[in-house]
Amino acid sequence: MRDQEMEELDKLHPEFGFAKHKGYPTKAHFEAIEKHGVIEQHRKSFKPVKRALGLID
């Protein structure tokens, strides 16, 4: 189910590569967050997301 959800999310936000990394914390995923920011589906408790939001250094 998660993989299917990631495939659908990838159609809406291909710049993040969800179809490839399936939401797992890969280098490419971190780089996409840094480059494109975060979207609603990103977990706000995830350290790289907090960093992208400027909540931590």
PDB file of N, CA and C in Angstrom:
ATOM      1  N   MET A   1       0.827  -1.190   0.000  1.00  0.00           N
ATOM      2  CA  MET A   1       0.000   0.000   0.000  1.00  0.00           C
ATOM      3  C   MET A   1       0.875   1.258   0.000  1.00  0.00           C
ATOM      4  N   ARG A   2       1.917   1.288   0.836  1.00  0.00           N
ATOM      5  CA  ARG A   2       2.788   2.460   0.890  1.00  0.00           C
ATOM      6  C   ARG A   2       3.440   2.714  -0.459  1.00  0.00           C
ATOM      7  N   ASP A   3       3.925   1.649  -1.109  1.00  0.00           N
ATOM      8  CA  ASP A   3       4.565   1.827  -2.411  1.00  0.00           C
ATOM      9  C   ASP A   3       3.598   2.441  -3.414  1.00  0.00           C
ATOM     10  N   GLN A   4       2.361   1.996  -3.393  1.00  0.00           N
ATOM     11  CA  GLN A   4       1.349   2.541  -4.300  1.00  0.00           C
ATOM     12  C   GLN A   4       1.091   4.016  -3.981  1.00  0.00           C
ATOM     13  N   GLU A   5       1.028   4.352  -2.707  1.00  0.00           N
ATOM     14  CA  GLU A   5       0.839   5.748  -2.305  1.00  0.00           C
ATOM     15  C   GLU A   5       2.007   6.611  -2.777  1.00  0.00           C
ATOM     16  N   MET A   6       3.213   6.074  -2.689  1.00  0.00           N
ATOM     17  CA  MET A   6       4.398   6.813  -3.136  1.00  0.00           C
ATOM     18  C   MET A   6       4.379   7.008  -4.651  1.00  0.00           C
ATOM     19  N   GLU A   7       3.891   6.015  -5.391  1.00  0.00           N
ATOM     20  CA  GLU A   7       3.766   6.142  -6.849  1.00  0.00           C
ATOM     21  C   GLU A   7       2.793   7.275  -7.195  1.00  0.00           C
ATOM     22  N   GLU A   8       1.680   7.340  -6.483  1.00  0.00           N
ATOM     23  CA  GLU A   8       0.693   8.398  -6.722  1.00  0.00           C
ATOM     24  C   GLU A   8       1.255   9.766  -6.342  1.00  0.00           C
ATOM     25  N   LEU A   9       1.945   9.830  -5.231  1.00  0.00           N
ATOM     26  CA  LEU A   9       2.540  11.086  -4.786  1.00  0.00           C
ATOM     27  C   LEU A   9       3.600  11.561  -5.778  1.00  0.00           C
ATOM     28  N   ASP A  10       4.312  10.609  -6.369  1.00  0.00           N
ATOM     29  CA  ASP A  10       5.330  10.943  -7.363  1.00  0.00           C
ATOM     30  C   ASP A  10       4.713  11.613  -8.589  1.00  0.00           C
ATOM     31  N   LYS A  11       3.503  11.225  -8.937  1.00  0.00           N
ATOM     32  CA  LYS A  11       2.819  11.845 -10.085  1.00  0.00           C
ATOM     33  C   LYS A  11       2.523  13.317  -9.805  1.00  0.00           C
ATOM     34  N   LEU A  12       2.231  13.635  -8.562  1.00  0.00           N
ATOM     35  CA  LEU A  12       1.932  15.016  -8.175  1.00  0.00           C
ATOM     36  C   LEU A  12       3.192  15.837  -7.938  1.00  0.00           C
ATOM     37  N   HIS A  13       4.239  15.189  -7.453  1.00  0.00           N
ATOM     38  CA  HIS A  13       5.485  15.875  -7.085  1.00  0.00           C
ATOM     39  C   HIS A  13       6.697  15.086  -7.596  1.00  0.00           C
ATOM     40  N   PRO A  14       6.877  15.005  -8.905  1.00  0.00           N
ATOM     41  CA  PRO A  14       7.980  14.203  -9.452  1.00  0.00           C
ATOM     42  C   PRO A  14       9.368  14.699  -9.054  1.00  0.00           C
ATOM     43  N   GLU A  15       9.464  15.961  -8.674  1.00  0.00           N
ATOM     44  CA  GLU A  15      10.761  16.528  -8.294  1.00  0.00           C
ATOM     45  C   GLU A  15      11.354  15.861  -7.053  1.00  0.00           C
ATOM     46  N   PHE A  16      10.532  15.165  -6.283  1.00  0.00           N
ATOM     47  CA  PHE A  16      11.019  14.504  -5.072  1.00  0.00           C
ATOM     48  C   PHE A  16      11.445  13.055  -5.299  1.00  0.00           C
ATOM     49  N   GLY A  17      11.040  12.447  -6.390  1.00  0.00           N
ATOM     50  CA  GLY A  17      11.450  11.073  -6.682  1.00  0.00           C
ATOM     51  C   GLY A  17      10.836  10.016  -5.784  1.00  0.00           C
ATOM     52  N   PHE A  18       9.621  10.242  -5.309  1.00  0.00           N
ATOM     53  CA  PHE A  18       8.979   9.288  -4.397  1.00  0.00           C
ATOM     54  C   PHE A  18       8.856   7.885  -4.990  1.00  0.00           C
ATOM     55  N   ALA A  19       8.651   7.782  -6.304  1.00  0.00           N
ATOM     56  CA  ALA A  19       8.510   6.464  -6.933  1.00  0.00           C
ATOM     57  C   ALA A  19       9.788   5.649  -6.797  1.00  0.00           C
ATOM     58  N   LYS A  20      10.908   6.327  -6.716  1.00  0.00           N
ATOM     59  CA  LYS A  20      12.193   5.627  -6.615  1.00  0.00           C
ATOM     60  C   LYS A  20      12.551   5.282  -5.168  1.00  0.00           C
ATOM     61  N   HIS A  21      12.487   6.257  -4.260  1.00  0.00           N
ATOM     62  CA  HIS A  21      12.934   5.994  -2.884  1.00  0.00           C
ATOM     63  C   HIS A  21      11.816   5.590  -1.937  1.00  0.00           C
ATOM     64  N   LYS A  22      10.577   5.671  -2.401  1.00  0.00           N
ATOM     65  CA  LYS A  22       9.401   5.240  -1.621  1.00  0.00           C
ATOM     66  C   LYS A  22       9.279   5.924  -0.264  1.00  0.00           C
ATOM     67  N   GLY A  23       9.863   7.118  -0.155  1.00  0.00           N
ATOM     68  CA  GLY A  23       9.767   7.864   1.090  1.00  0.00           C
ATOM     69  C   GLY A  23      10.851   7.541   2.100  1.00  0.00           C
ATOM     70  N   TYR A  24      11.725   6.599   1.767  1.00  0.00           N
ATOM     71  CA  TYR A  24      12.805   6.254   2.691  1.00  0.00           C
ATOM     72  C   TYR A  24      13.888   7.329   2.662  1.00  0.00           C
ATOM     73  N   PRO A  25      14.639   7.451   3.740  1.00  0.00           N
ATOM     74  CA  PRO A  25      15.628   8.530   3.877  1.00  0.00           C
ATOM     75  C   PRO A  25      16.910   8.279   3.076  1.00  0.00           C
ATOM     76  N   THR A  26      16.827   8.488   1.775  1.00  0.00           N
ATOM     77  CA  THR A  26      17.995   8.330   0.915  1.00  0.00           C
ATOM     78  C   THR A  26      18.676   9.681   0.703  1.00  0.00           C
ATOM     79  N   LYS A  27      19.885   9.635   0.200  1.00  0.00           N
ATOM     80  CA  LYS A  27      20.602  10.868  -0.109  1.00  0.00           C
ATOM     81  C   LYS A  27      19.800  11.716  -1.098  1.00  0.00           C
ATOM     82  N   ALA A  28      19.236  11.085  -2.114  1.00  0.00           N
ATOM     83  CA  ALA A  28      18.444  11.808  -3.115  1.00  0.00           C
ATOM     84  C   ALA A  28      17.220  12.470  -2.480  1.00  0.00           C
ATOM     85  N   HIS A  29      16.601  11.786  -1.518  1.00  0.00           N
ATOM     86  CA  HIS A  29      15.432  12.341  -0.835  1.00  0.00           C
ATOM     87  C   HIS A  29      15.832  13.588  -0.038  1.00  0.00           C
ATOM     88  N   PHE A  30      16.937  13.489   0.701  1.00  0.00           N
ATOM     89  CA  PHE A  30      17.421  14.642   1.468  1.00  0.00           C
ATOM     90  C   PHE A  30      17.740  15.817   0.548  1.00  0.00           C
ATOM     91  N   GLU A  31      18.380  15.529  -0.571  1.00  0.00           N
ATOM     92  CA  GLU A  31      18.737  16.589  -1.520  1.00  0.00           C
ATOM     93  C   GLU A  31      17.495  17.250  -2.110  1.00  0.00           C
ATOM     94  N   ALA A  32      16.463  16.460  -2.398  1.00  0.00           N
ATOM     95  CA  ALA A  32      15.221  17.015  -2.937  1.00  0.00           C
ATOM     96  C   ALA A  32      14.530  17.911  -1.915  1.00  0.00           C
ATOM     97  N   ILE A  33      14.556  17.519  -0.655  1.00  0.00           N
ATOM     98  CA  ILE A  33      13.965  18.349   0.399  1.00  0.00           C
ATOM     99  C   ILE A  33      14.717  19.669   0.496  1.00  0.00           C
ATOM    100  N   GLU A  34      16.040  19.603   0.452  1.00  0.00           N
ATOM    101  CA  GLU A  34      16.838  20.830   0.519  1.00  0.00           C
ATOM    102  C   GLU A  34      16.575  21.736  -0.679  1.00  0.00           C
ATOM    103  N   LYS A  35      16.436  21.147  -1.851  1.00  0.00           N
ATOM    104  CA  LYS A  35      16.262  21.924  -3.080  1.00  0.00           C
ATOM    105  C   LYS A  35      14.844  22.465  -3.245  1.00  0.00           C
ATOM    106  N   HIS A  36      13.840  21.628  -2.949  1.00  0.00           N
ATOM    107  CA  HIS A  36      12.449  21.976  -3.242  1.00  0.00           C
ATOM    108  C   HIS A  36      11.609  22.325  -2.019  1.00  0.00           C
ATOM    109  N   GLY A  37      12.180  22.177  -0.833  1.00  0.00           N
ATOM    110  CA  GLY A  37      11.399  22.427   0.372  1.00  0.00           C
ATOM    111  C   GLY A  37      10.574  21.206   0.736  1.00  0.00           C
ATOM    112  N   VAL A  38       9.574  21.415   1.556  1.00  0.00           N
ATOM    113  CA  VAL A  38       8.737  20.304   2.010  1.00  0.00           C
ATOM    114  C   VAL A  38       7.310  20.485   1.513  1.00  0.00           C
ATOM    115  N   ILE A  39       6.592  19.383   1.483  1.00  0.00           N
ATOM    116  CA  ILE A  39       5.178  19.404   1.120  1.00  0.00           C
ATOM    117  C   ILE A  39       4.381  18.857   2.297  1.00  0.00           C
ATOM    118  N   GLU A  40       3.092  18.937   2.208  1.00  0.00           N
ATOM    119  CA  GLU A  40       2.212  18.528   3.306  1.00  0.00           C
ATOM    120  C   GLU A  40       2.478  17.095   3.770  1.00  0.00           C
ATOM    121  N   GLN A  41       2.836  16.218   2.847  1.00  0.00           N
ATOM    122  CA  GLN A  41       3.007  14.810   3.182  1.00  0.00           C
ATOM    123  C   GLN A  41       4.306  14.512   3.928  1.00  0.00           C
ATOM    124  N   HIS A  42       5.237  15.430   3.951  1.00  0.00           N
ATOM    125  CA  HIS A  42       6.470  15.196   4.701  1.00  0.00           C
ATOM    126  C   HIS A  42       6.176  15.238   6.203  1.00  0.00           C
ATOM    127  N   ARG A  43       6.793  14.308   6.934  1.00  0.00           N
ATOM    128  CA  ARG A  43       6.617  14.271   8.391  1.00  0.00           C
ATOM    129  C   ARG A  43       7.392  15.422   9.020  1.00  0.00           C
ATOM    130  N   LYS A  44       6.701  16.277   9.723  1.00  0.00           N
ATOM    131  CA  LYS A  44       7.337  17.449  10.337  1.00  0.00           C
ATOM    132  C   LYS A  44       8.236  17.072  11.509  1.00  0.00           C
ATOM    133  N   SER A  45       8.149  15.836  11.994  1.00  0.00           N
ATOM    134  CA  SER A  45       9.015  15.380  13.082  1.00  0.00           C
ATOM    135  C   SER A  45      10.342  14.819  12.564  1.00  0.00           C
ATOM    136  N   PHE A  46      10.475  14.669  11.252  1.00  0.00           N
ATOM    137  CA  PHE A  46      11.679  14.124  10.621  1.00  0.00           C
ATOM    138  C   PHE A  46      12.752  15.204  10.590  1.00  0.00           C
ATOM    139  N   LYS A  47      13.934  14.893  11.125  1.00  0.00           N
ATOM    140  CA  LYS A  47      14.985  15.896  11.302  1.00  0.00           C
ATOM    141  C   LYS A  47      15.321  16.687  10.026  1.00  0.00           C
ATOM    142  N   PRO A  48      15.503  16.050   8.866  1.00  0.00           N
ATOM    143  CA  PRO A  48      15.779  16.841   7.659  1.00  0.00           C
ATOM    144  C   PRO A  48      14.633  17.786   7.274  1.00  0.00           C
ATOM    145  N   VAL A  49      13.408  17.396   7.588  1.00  0.00           N
ATOM    146  CA  VAL A  49      12.262  18.272   7.319  1.00  0.00           C
ATOM    147  C   VAL A  49      12.287  19.450   8.286  1.00  0.00           C
ATOM    148  N   LYS A  50      12.548  19.181   9.553  1.00  0.00           N
ATOM    149  CA  LYS A  50      12.668  20.267  10.531  1.00  0.00           C
ATOM    150  C   LYS A  50      13.746  21.254  10.104  1.00  0.00           C
ATOM    151  N   ARG A  51      14.863  20.716   9.627  1.00  0.00           N
ATOM    152  CA  ARG A  51      15.968  21.569   9.184  1.00  0.00           C
ATOM    153  C   ARG A  51      15.527  22.423   7.985  1.00  0.00           C
ATOM    154  N   ALA A  52      14.847  21.820   7.025  1.00  0.00           N
ATOM    155  CA  ALA A  52      14.378  22.545   5.842  1.00  0.00           C
ATOM    156  C   ALA A  52      13.378  23.633   6.214  1.00  0.00           C
ATOM    157  N   LEU A  53      12.626  23.406   7.270  1.00  0.00           N
ATOM    158  CA  LEU A  53      11.647  24.392   7.735  1.00  0.00           C
ATOM    159  C   LEU A  53      12.279  25.464   8.624  1.00  0.00           C
ATOM    160  N   GLY A  54      13.567  25.306   8.912  1.00  0.00           N
ATOM    161  CA  GLY A  54      14.260  26.273   9.753  1.00  0.00           C
ATOM    162  C   GLY A  54      13.964  26.127  11.230  1.00  0.00           C
ATOM    163  N   LEU A  55      13.482  24.953  11.618  1.00  0.00           N
ATOM    164  CA  LEU A  55      13.141  24.726  13.023  1.00  0.00           C
ATOM    165  C   LEU A  55      14.345  24.301  13.851  1.00  0.00           C
ATOM    166  N   ILE A  56      15.390  23.796  13.169  1.00  0.00           N
ATOM    167  CA  ILE A  56      16.647  23.436  13.830  1.00  0.00           C
ATOM    168  C   ILE A  56      17.801  23.831  12.917  1.00  0.00           C
ATOM    169  N   ASP A  57      19.005  23.903  13.500  1.00  0.00           N
ATOM    170  CA  ASP A  57      20.199  24.227  12.698  1.00  0.00           C
ATOM    171  C   ASP A  57      20.780  23.000  12.061  1.00  0.00           C
TER     172      ASP A  57
END
